[in-house]
Protein backbone atom coordinates (compact mmCIF):
# COMPACT_ATOMS: atom_id res chain seq x y z
CA MET A 1 69.75 72.22 11.63
CA PHE A 2 67.11 74.00 13.87
CA ASP A 3 63.57 74.97 13.10
CA ILE A 4 62.12 77.79 14.85
CA CYS A 5 58.42 77.46 16.50
CA ARG A 6 56.26 78.58 19.07
CA PRO A 7 57.30 77.37 22.68
CA GLU A 8 53.67 75.26 22.89
CA ALA A 9 54.72 73.15 20.06
CA VAL A 10 57.22 71.61 21.82
CA GLY A 11 55.33 71.44 25.18
CA ILE A 12 56.36 74.73 26.71
CA SER A 13 54.25 77.34 28.01
CA PRO A 14 55.02 80.76 26.95
CA ALA A 15 53.87 82.19 30.03
CA HIS A 16 56.70 80.01 31.85
CA ILE A 17 59.22 81.52 29.91
CA ARG A 18 58.03 84.96 30.18
CA GLU A 19 58.49 84.11 34.22
CA TYR A 20 62.00 83.19 33.63
CA ILE A 21 62.75 86.37 31.64
CA GLU A 22 61.16 88.47 34.16
CA LEU A 23 63.38 86.56 37.23
CA LEU A 24 66.45 87.50 35.10
CA GLU A 25 65.05 91.03 34.40
CA GLU A 26 64.17 91.61 38.25
CA ASN A 27 67.39 90.12 39.66
CA ARG A 28 69.14 92.98 37.33
CA LEU A 29 71.14 90.59 35.65
CA SER A 30 73.52 91.39 32.81
CA THR A 31 72.19 89.26 30.27
CA HIS A 32 73.01 89.19 26.59
CA ASN A 33 71.08 86.44 25.17
CA VAL A 34 68.72 83.51 25.74
CA VAL A 35 68.23 80.56 23.52
CA ILE A 36 65.62 77.58 24.76
CA ALA A 37 65.83 74.75 22.32
CA ARG A 38 64.04 71.06 22.18
CA GLY A 39 65.04 68.55 20.24
CA ASN A 40 65.66 70.27 16.94
CA LYS A 41 63.56 73.09 17.09
CA ILE A 42 64.21 76.77 18.73
CA CYS A 43 61.20 78.04 20.61
CA PHE A 44 62.95 81.20 22.14
CA GLU A 45 65.70 83.47 21.11
CA LYS A 46 66.61 86.82 22.27
CA TYR A 47 69.39 89.38 22.41
CA TRP A 48 69.66 92.02 24.59
CA ALA A 49 70.62 95.23 22.40
CA PRO A 50 73.30 95.76 21.57
CA PHE A 51 74.18 92.17 21.48
CA HIS A 52 72.91 90.26 18.30
CA LYS A 53 72.82 86.84 16.60
CA ASP A 54 76.24 87.45 14.60
CA PHE A 55 78.08 88.43 17.62
CA LEU A 56 81.15 86.52 18.63
CA HIS A 57 80.60 85.97 22.26
CA ARG A 58 83.74 85.10 24.74
CA GLN A 59 82.52 82.06 25.79
CA TYR A 60 85.19 81.74 28.82
CA SER A 61 85.64 78.28 30.57
CA CYS A 62 83.15 76.72 28.54
CA THR A 63 85.94 76.58 25.76
CA LYS A 64 87.33 73.65 28.17
CA SER A 65 84.25 71.59 27.03
CA PHE A 66 85.72 71.51 23.62
CA VAL A 67 89.16 70.67 24.72
CA SER A 68 87.40 67.78 26.21
CA LEU A 69 86.15 66.74 22.80
CA ALA A 70 89.00 67.50 21.26
CA VAL A 71 90.63 64.83 23.58
CA GLY A 72 87.93 62.55 22.94
CA PHE A 73 88.91 62.42 19.31
CA LEU A 74 92.47 61.72 20.03
CA GLU A 75 91.57 58.75 22.05
CA GLN A 76 88.99 57.72 19.03
CA ASP A 77 91.88 57.89 16.70
CA GLY A 78 94.36 55.80 18.98
CA LEU A 79 96.73 59.11 19.54
CA VAL A 80 96.30 58.82 23.53
CA ASN A 81 95.31 56.45 26.17
CA LEU A 82 93.29 58.61 28.90
CA ASP A 83 95.31 56.69 31.67
CA ASP A 84 98.82 58.17 29.94
CA PRO A 85 100.82 60.36 32.36
CA ILE A 86 101.08 63.67 30.92
CA GLU A 87 105.03 63.64 30.72
CA LYS A 88 104.57 61.27 27.99
CA TYR A 89 103.55 64.38 25.74
CA PHE A 90 106.01 67.09 27.73
CA PRO A 91 109.20 65.19 28.86
CA ASP A 92 111.34 67.83 28.57
CA GLU A 93 108.70 70.49 30.35
CA CYS A 94 108.22 67.52 33.19
CA ALA A 95 111.84 66.71 33.53
CA GLY A 96 113.31 67.06 37.13
CA LYS A 97 109.76 67.76 38.35
CA HIS A 98 107.64 66.15 41.29
CA GLU A 99 106.67 62.64 40.54
CA TYR A 100 102.95 63.54 41.36
CA LEU A 101 103.07 66.36 38.65
CA ARG A 102 104.79 64.01 36.12
CA LYS A 103 102.33 61.10 36.87
CA GLN A 104 99.09 62.96 36.45
CA THR A 105 97.25 61.32 33.85
CA ILE A 106 94.91 62.60 31.07
CA ARG A 107 92.11 61.46 32.90
CA ASP A 108 93.01 62.97 36.52
CA MET A 109 93.09 66.16 34.42
CA LEU A 110 90.19 65.97 32.71
CA MET A 111 88.31 65.66 35.75
CA MET A 112 90.25 68.56 37.69
CA ALA A 113 92.06 66.37 39.59
CA THR A 114 95.22 67.14 39.02
CA GLY A 115 98.52 66.59 41.23
CA LYS A 116 99.04 70.35 42.15
CA HIS A 117 97.32 73.65 42.62
CA GLY A 118 97.20 75.79 38.85
CA GLY A 119 98.06 78.86 39.99
CA ASN A 120 97.47 82.35 38.05
CA TRP A 121 99.49 82.27 35.12
CA LEU A 122 98.37 85.93 34.56
CA LEU A 123 100.52 86.70 37.44
CA LYS A 124 103.44 85.72 35.74
CA PRO A 125 105.80 88.09 33.60
CA VAL A 126 104.18 89.33 30.16
CA GLY A 127 105.55 86.87 27.31
CA GLU A 128 106.35 83.72 29.13
CA ASP A 129 105.56 80.47 27.61
CA ARG A 130 102.38 79.37 29.29
CA VAL A 131 103.36 75.68 29.19
CA ARG A 132 106.49 76.18 30.82
CA ILE A 133 104.59 78.19 33.50
CA TYR A 134 102.54 75.38 34.01
CA PHE A 135 105.09 72.85 34.74
CA ASP A 136 107.73 75.02 36.56
CA ASN A 137 104.98 75.58 39.11
CA ASN A 138 106.18 72.73 41.28
CA GLN A 139 104.57 73.60 44.48
CA ASN A 140 105.81 72.13 47.74
CA ALA A 141 102.42 70.65 48.67
CA PRO A 142 101.90 68.51 45.81
CA ARG A 143 99.31 65.70 46.16
CA PRO A 144 98.77 62.23 44.26
CA SER A 145 96.19 62.94 41.42
CA GLY A 146 93.02 61.50 40.93
CA THR A 147 92.18 61.97 44.07
CA ILE A 148 90.60 65.09 44.97
CA PHE A 149 89.06 68.06 42.91
CA GLU A 150 90.35 71.25 42.76
CA TYR A 151 89.61 73.41 39.82
CA ASP A 152 92.60 73.72 37.81
CA SER A 153 91.98 75.98 34.70
CA SER A 154 95.70 76.17 33.50
CA GLY A 155 95.32 72.07 33.51
CA SER A 156 92.47 72.38 30.73
CA PHE A 157 95.16 74.78 28.84
CA VAL A 158 98.02 72.09 29.16
CA LEU A 159 95.52 69.55 27.58
CA SER A 160 94.83 71.79 24.95
CA ALA A 161 98.23 72.55 24.19
CA MET A 162 98.87 68.87 24.06
CA VAL A 163 96.09 68.58 21.32
CA GLU A 164 98.11 70.90 19.34
CA ARG A 165 101.43 69.15 20.04
CA ILE A 166 100.04 65.69 18.94
CA THR A 167 98.21 66.86 15.88
CA GLY A 168 100.21 69.68 14.90
CA LYS A 169 97.27 71.68 14.24
CA ARG A 170 95.45 74.44 16.14
CA LEU A 171 92.89 73.43 18.63
CA PHE A 172 89.94 74.89 16.53
CA ASP A 173 91.40 73.80 13.25
CA TYR A 174 91.32 70.25 14.62
CA LEU A 175 87.94 70.54 16.09
CA ARG A 176 86.79 71.89 12.76
CA GLU A 177 88.56 68.83 11.14
CA LYS A 178 86.57 66.41 13.10
CA CYS A 179 83.30 67.84 13.99
CA LEU A 180 82.70 71.56 13.77
CA ASP A 181 82.25 72.00 10.42
CA GLU A 182 80.12 69.21 10.08
CA ILE A 183 77.48 70.26 12.40
CA GLY A 184 77.65 74.17 10.68
CA PHE A 185 79.90 76.22 13.42
CA SER A 186 80.41 79.38 11.71
CA LYS A 187 83.40 80.23 10.01
CA GLU A 188 84.30 83.49 11.95
CA ALA A 189 84.28 81.51 15.68
CA TYR A 190 87.96 81.14 16.57
CA CYS A 191 90.03 80.83 19.72
CA MET A 192 92.35 83.77 21.03
CA THR A 193 96.21 82.54 21.71
CA CYS A 194 98.52 82.75 24.88
CA PRO A 195 102.28 83.39 25.41
CA GLY A 196 104.10 80.44 23.65
CA GLY A 197 102.08 80.47 20.50
CA HIS A 198 99.13 77.84 22.23
CA SER A 199 95.35 78.46 21.71
CA TRP A 200 93.88 79.67 24.79
CA GLY A 201 92.04 76.79 25.13
CA ASP A 202 90.90 77.02 28.98
CA SER A 203 89.16 80.35 28.06
CA ALA A 204 89.09 82.07 24.92
CA LEU A 205 86.61 80.77 22.19
CA LEU A 206 84.81 83.35 20.63
CA CYS A 207 81.83 81.93 18.81
CA THR A 208 77.74 82.95 18.37
CA ALA A 209 74.88 81.66 20.63
CA ARG A 210 73.74 79.53 17.72
CA ASP A 211 77.32 77.90 17.62
CA PHE A 212 77.06 77.45 20.86
CA LEU A 213 73.70 75.84 20.98
CA LEU A 214 75.20 73.02 18.16
CA ALA A 215 77.81 72.22 20.23
CA ALA A 216 75.36 71.43 23.18
CA ARG A 217 73.34 69.59 20.93
CA PHE A 218 76.19 67.38 19.31
CA VAL A 219 77.15 66.72 23.10
CA LEU A 220 73.14 66.12 24.33
CA ASN A 221 73.03 63.80 20.81
CA GLY A 222 76.05 61.53 22.24
CA GLY A 223 78.50 62.75 19.49
CA SER A 224 76.22 62.01 16.82
CA TRP A 225 75.14 64.19 13.85
CA ASP A 226 72.49 63.51 11.00
CA GLY A 227 72.89 59.86 11.80
CA LYS A 228 76.70 59.71 11.61
CA GLN A 229 78.48 58.99 14.89
CA LEU A 230 81.27 61.30 14.85
CA LEU A 231 82.68 60.93 18.71
CA ASN A 232 82.21 57.74 20.09
CA ARG A 233 79.11 57.67 22.58
CA GLU A 234 81.30 55.84 25.03
CA TYR A 235 83.48 59.34 25.71
CA VAL A 236 80.52 61.21 25.24
CA SER A 237 78.47 59.41 27.95
CA ALA A 238 81.78 59.58 30.12
CA ALA A 239 82.88 63.28 29.80
CA THR A 240 79.30 64.40 30.91
CA SER A 241 78.60 61.67 33.81
CA LYS A 242 80.00 62.38 37.18
CA GLN A 243 83.68 61.40 37.75
CA ILE A 244 84.29 63.01 40.64
CA ASP A 245 82.79 64.67 43.83
CA THR A 246 82.88 68.47 43.94
CA ASN A 247 81.76 69.31 47.33
CA ASN A 248 84.98 69.73 49.08
CA THR A 249 86.11 73.14 47.58
CA MET A 250 82.61 74.58 46.16
CA THR A 251 80.04 76.24 48.55
CA ASN A 252 77.59 77.07 45.60
CA GLU A 253 74.87 74.44 44.99
CA HIS A 254 75.14 74.48 41.26
CA LEU A 255 78.84 73.07 41.68
CA SER A 256 78.16 70.96 44.28
CA ASN A 257 76.71 67.91 41.75
CA GLY A 258 80.10 66.50 40.54
CA TYR A 259 82.19 66.93 37.28
CA GLY A 260 82.83 64.47 34.51
CA TYR A 261 85.70 65.63 31.74
CA GLN A 262 85.40 69.21 31.84
CA PHE A 263 81.29 69.18 32.23
CA TRP A 264 79.54 70.26 35.03
CA ARG A 265 76.70 67.99 36.18
CA ILE A 266 73.57 69.36 37.98
CA HIS A 267 70.17 68.07 38.56
CA GLY A 268 69.48 64.38 37.62
CA ASP A 269 71.18 63.53 34.48
CA SER A 270 71.82 67.36 33.28
CA PHE A 271 75.19 68.83 32.66
CA TYR A 272 76.39 72.05 31.20
CA PHE A 273 79.13 73.79 30.10
CA CYS A 274 80.25 76.61 32.35
CA GLY A 275 82.16 79.82 31.85
CA MET A 276 83.07 83.00 34.05
CA GLY A 277 80.55 85.61 33.98
CA CYS A 278 77.25 82.83 33.09
CA GLN A 279 78.28 81.64 29.96
CA ILE A 280 75.97 78.70 30.06
CA ALA A 281 74.98 75.77 27.90
CA VAL A 282 72.22 73.15 29.78
CA CYS A 283 71.68 70.14 28.44
CA VAL A 284 68.89 68.26 30.24
CA PRO A 285 68.79 64.58 28.45
CA GLU A 286 65.19 63.53 30.06
CA LYS A 287 63.64 66.78 28.36
CA ASP A 288 65.91 66.68 25.32
CA MET A 289 66.20 70.51 26.22
CA ILE A 290 69.04 72.82 25.80
CA LEU A 291 69.46 76.29 27.66
CA ILE A 292 71.79 78.85 26.11
CA TYR A 293 72.72 81.90 28.39
CA ASN A 294 75.47 84.07 27.80
CA GLY A 295 75.89 87.54 30.17
CA ASP A 296 78.46 89.12 32.41
CA ASN A 297 77.70 88.71 35.88
CA GLN A 298 81.06 88.60 37.13
CA GLY A 299 80.93 89.63 40.90
CA LYS A 300 77.36 88.58 41.54
CA ASN A 301 77.53 85.74 43.46
CA THR A 302 73.95 84.58 42.72
CA ALA A 303 73.76 84.94 39.41
CA TYR A 304 74.53 81.37 38.26
CA GLU A 305 72.10 80.13 40.95
CA ILE A 306 69.11 82.41 39.08
CA VAL A 307 70.20 81.43 35.69
CA LEU A 308 70.08 77.70 36.37
CA GLU A 309 67.48 76.93 39.02
CA GLY A 310 65.28 79.42 37.64
CA PHE A 311 65.23 77.82 34.25
CA PHE A 312 64.91 74.20 35.81
CA LYS A 313 61.86 75.16 37.97
CA LEU A 314 60.25 77.29 35.76
CA VAL A 315 60.73 75.97 32.18
CA ALA A 316 62.44 72.66 32.00
CA GLU A 317 60.38 71.01 35.14
CA THR A 318 57.05 72.37 33.79
CA ALA A 319 57.39 71.41 30.08
CA SER A 320 54.97 68.64 28.91
CA ASP A 321 55.82 65.83 26.83
CA SER A 322 53.35 66.44 24.32
CA PRO A 323 52.53 69.47 22.22
CA LEU A 324 50.19 72.29 24.37
CA PRO A 325 47.33 73.86 22.83
CA GLU A 326 48.38 77.39 21.24
CA ASP A 327 47.89 80.31 23.88
CA LYS A 328 47.75 83.68 21.84
CA ALA A 329 47.66 85.80 24.87
CA SER A 330 50.56 84.15 26.90
CA PHE A 331 52.55 83.85 23.79
CA ASP A 332 51.76 88.15 22.81
CA ALA A 333 52.46 88.58 26.41
CA LEU A 334 55.83 87.18 26.04
CA GLU A 335 56.31 88.68 22.61
CA GLY A 336 55.71 92.13 23.87
CA TYR A 337 57.93 91.81 27.20
CA THR A 338 60.92 90.65 25.42
CA LYS A 339 60.40 93.14 21.89
CA ASP A 340 62.79 95.52 23.09
CA LEU A 341 65.02 93.84 25.40
CA LYS A 342 67.97 96.11 26.44
CA LEU A 343 71.12 95.56 28.41
CA CYS A 344 71.00 96.41 32.03
CA SER A 345 71.82 99.80 33.35
CA ALA A 346 72.35 101.92 36.39
CA LYS A 347 68.98 102.24 38.56
CA GLY A 348 68.14 105.24 40.19
CA GLU A 349 67.29 108.43 39.62
CA LYS A 350 68.07 110.67 36.50
CA THR A 351 68.73 113.73 38.44
CA SER A 352 69.59 115.48 42.00
CA PRO A 353 69.11 118.59 43.69
CA MET A 354 72.98 118.17 44.18
CA LEU A 355 73.40 118.54 40.17
CA GLU A 356 73.48 121.96 40.08
CA LYS A 357 76.24 122.56 42.53
CA ILE A 358 78.78 119.57 41.08
CA ASN A 359 78.16 120.17 37.39
CA GLY A 360 81.22 121.13 35.70
CA VAL A 361 83.32 121.40 39.17
CA THR A 362 86.76 120.06 39.54
CA TYR A 363 87.52 117.91 42.77
CA ALA A 364 91.25 117.48 43.56
CA LEU A 365 91.81 114.11 44.99
CA GLU A 366 94.67 113.21 47.53
CA GLU A 367 96.83 110.45 46.69
CA ASN A 368 94.85 107.29 46.12
CA PRO A 369 95.24 103.63 44.78
CA MET A 370 93.75 104.37 41.36
CA GLY A 371 96.53 107.45 40.71
CA ILE A 372 93.50 109.60 39.59
CA THR A 373 94.51 113.44 40.55
CA LYS A 374 91.00 115.36 39.60
CA PHE A 375 87.71 114.60 38.48
CA SER A 376 84.86 116.44 37.08
CA LEU A 377 81.22 115.65 36.01
CA GLU A 378 79.48 117.33 33.14
CA PHE A 379 75.71 116.78 32.72
CA ASP A 380 73.72 117.79 29.52
CA GLY A 381 69.96 116.35 29.95
CA ASN A 382 70.26 112.43 30.22
CA GLU A 383 73.85 112.26 29.27
CA GLY A 384 76.61 113.03 31.59
CA LYS A 385 80.75 112.81 31.18
CA LEU A 386 82.82 111.81 33.88
CA HIS A 387 86.29 113.65 33.34
CA TYR A 388 89.34 112.54 35.44
CA THR A 389 93.50 112.41 35.11
CA ASN A 390 95.23 109.27 35.90
CA VAL A 391 98.97 108.18 35.28
CA GLN A 392 97.59 107.50 31.46
CA GLY A 393 96.79 111.33 31.05
CA ASP A 394 93.13 113.09 30.82
CA LYS A 395 90.36 110.64 30.36
CA THR A 396 86.70 110.69 29.84
CA ILE A 397 83.83 108.06 30.24
CA CYS A 398 80.52 109.41 28.46
CA PHE A 399 77.25 107.49 30.35
CA GLY A 400 73.32 107.73 30.13
CA MET A 401 71.40 108.54 32.62
CA CYS A 402 69.62 105.21 33.97
CA GLU A 403 70.52 104.07 30.18
CA ASN A 404 73.35 102.86 28.44
CA ALA A 405 75.77 104.99 26.17
CA PHE A 406 78.26 103.12 24.12
CA GLY A 407 81.60 103.89 23.44
CA ILE A 408 85.13 103.10 24.17
CA PHE A 409 86.80 102.65 27.68
CA PRO A 410 89.66 105.23 27.95
CA GLU A 411 92.04 103.04 29.52
CA GLU A 412 94.51 102.17 27.18
CA GLY A 413 97.13 99.27 26.36
CA TYR A 414 94.90 95.93 27.70
CA SER A 415 95.34 92.53 26.38
CA ASP A 416 93.86 91.85 22.41
CA GLU A 417 94.61 88.44 20.74
CA VAL A 418 97.33 87.09 22.89
CA GLY A 419 96.14 86.52 26.53
CA GLY A 420 98.11 88.37 29.07
CA VAL A 421 100.18 90.55 26.73
CA HIS A 422 99.14 94.16 27.05
CA VAL A 423 99.17 96.13 23.62
CA PRO A 424 99.84 99.92 23.15
CA GLY A 425 96.89 101.56 21.58
CA SER A 426 94.36 98.22 22.69
CA TYR A 427 91.24 99.95 24.03
CA TYR A 428 87.65 97.57 24.95
CA LYS A 429 84.17 98.85 23.89
CA CYS A 430 82.13 99.88 26.80
CA ALA A 431 78.39 100.76 28.24
CA ALA A 432 78.19 103.07 30.64
CA SER A 433 75.12 104.39 32.82
CA ALA A 434 74.83 106.36 35.94
CA ALA A 435 72.21 107.03 38.38
CA TRP A 436 71.47 108.95 41.53
CA VAL A 437 70.87 106.57 44.36
CA SER A 438 70.54 109.30 47.07
CA PRO A 439 70.20 112.91 46.81
CA PHE A 440 74.38 112.91 47.28
CA GLN A 441 75.52 109.89 45.94
CA LEU A 442 76.03 109.14 42.04
CA PHE A 443 76.47 105.54 40.74
CA ILE A 444 78.09 105.06 37.55
CA LYS A 445 78.06 101.40 35.94
CA VAL A 446 80.50 100.67 33.15
CA GLN A 447 80.32 97.72 31.44
CA ILE A 448 83.03 95.90 29.02
CA ILE A 449 81.60 94.29 25.86
CA ASP A 450 84.32 93.35 23.77
CA LYS A 451 86.39 90.01 23.42
CA TYR A 452 87.14 90.80 27.05
CA PHE A 453 84.21 91.27 29.70
CA GLY A 454 84.27 93.05 32.99
CA ASN A 455 82.56 95.55 34.71
CA LEU A 456 83.57 98.78 36.65
CA ASN A 457 81.40 100.09 39.49
CA ILE A 458 81.97 103.68 40.68
CA MET A 459 80.06 105.30 43.57
CA ILE A 460 80.85 109.29 44.09
CA GLY A 461 79.06 110.82 47.26
CA PHE A 462 79.61 114.73 47.68
CA LYS A 463 79.18 116.44 50.91
CA ASP A 464 80.00 120.11 50.76
CA ASN A 465 82.63 120.96 48.78
CA LYS A 466 84.10 117.42 49.14
CA ALA A 467 83.88 114.64 47.25
CA THR A 468 84.65 110.67 48.01
CA MET A 469 85.06 108.27 44.95
CA TYR A 470 84.78 104.50 45.61
CA MET A 471 85.73 102.02 42.47
CA THR A 472 85.17 98.17 42.51
CA LYS A 473 85.59 95.80 39.66
CA ALA A 474 85.06 92.29 38.38
CA ALA A 475 87.31 91.72 35.52
CA GLU A 476 90.17 89.03 34.73
CA ASP A 477 93.36 90.94 34.29
CA PHE A 478 92.28 94.33 33.71
CA LEU A 479 90.87 97.77 35.21
CA ASP A 480 93.37 96.65 38.14
CA GLU A 481 93.96 100.54 38.24
CA TYR A 482 89.94 101.09 39.01
CA GLN A 483 90.11 99.64 42.64
CA GLY A 484 89.96 101.70 45.75
CA PHE A 485 88.85 104.93 47.93
CA ALA A 486 89.99 108.40 46.84
CA GLY A 487 88.78 111.88 48.71
CA GLY A 488 89.13 115.21 47.78
CA GLU A 489 87.41 118.74 47.54
CA THR A 490 86.96 121.71 45.18
CA THR A 491 89.63 123.58 43.41
CA LEU A 492 87.27 126.32 44.06
């Protein structure tokens, strides 16, 4: 489907792409891949090691946009009407519930204007059917649906469950049949599940960056592929147009341009798939251009603005409508700058005068929220280890100094293929790095890089024979044990 070309061939300056990548790097974003395409040509495609083109990347809430496509196919086949109330498809679950919940329509749910706050299903008992959780969350302050925007992730999940209930097929099996196989989606791509056996349709698509690009191209094409109209253009146009205002709850500029049917709006007539941590597919119709960005910037509130505004300002808005002359110097500079991109790591000094005093020394900690009773640090050149003991026993995190070391995060028992269901023996892959940010403060950065993404920041400060450890995390439904302060002193 996609040819590879130099940026100049599609009217984009290599110098502008380099400026964009420099912007991402200067802001120390945790970038995993960037792909830029115009028309049917990819003019830039890079992966930050250890990520690569075949990596199945968790797309988080971009999955919602795929649910929208599935609903569009249901409507096209006459299996639903967008103005049907949801109780038509979940009569038992809706029985006895508030009228506003029962009468919310498919259209209301597609545009995040549901009849109640969705709530956090991950806080519910493990193993409980998530569909039942949604309808049993019958709050005392409902509102007429279709009136106000409020992001309702669980409502998107229910739409996914509706697709499966109507078709008798898994969400992605149905989408493969309707369009994904046709457009060349990889056979390995899949969606994880939730308690109750439903696809995790609001958060858990795993696919490659190229897969993501194919889906964005399909939508930007208005639902057509190789001259065949697979999904009617009217639905795709409505889904990617502004259906409701979003200014009432969102303060971030990139979220203030309105919402369609599980698609966000942005500058002009542009729209985008958007997932937690900066999973992004931006479609710019007037330029026939697509940006694919994957990363994990959870906890960094400015990341979306940097990724999105930087792309529009430096790449999309500067693009010419006709090819540019080849610019060897700029192209070579871009290639040189992006040749060895690596996942971001801790920034600071590799050593400190404090190192000799603390290397191998054990610190006993007072009672703390993490349940860590003791820790020690072990350094050997550009590598190090944090040893600690918590309720699970003795643990070790291996890290590089100002560079990542790759291994397994030692906490055991987080969720695997079924969201919210913690599994004994389950571990996540991680990247860990450390740096001395002052002579007496060591910063350790841990990034979870698995089917689940998250990050853990550990700051350890030393004074005389005492130490303070401070942990903060940005992750959904894991790393909860790693938050708070702990203080103690050497056991010597």
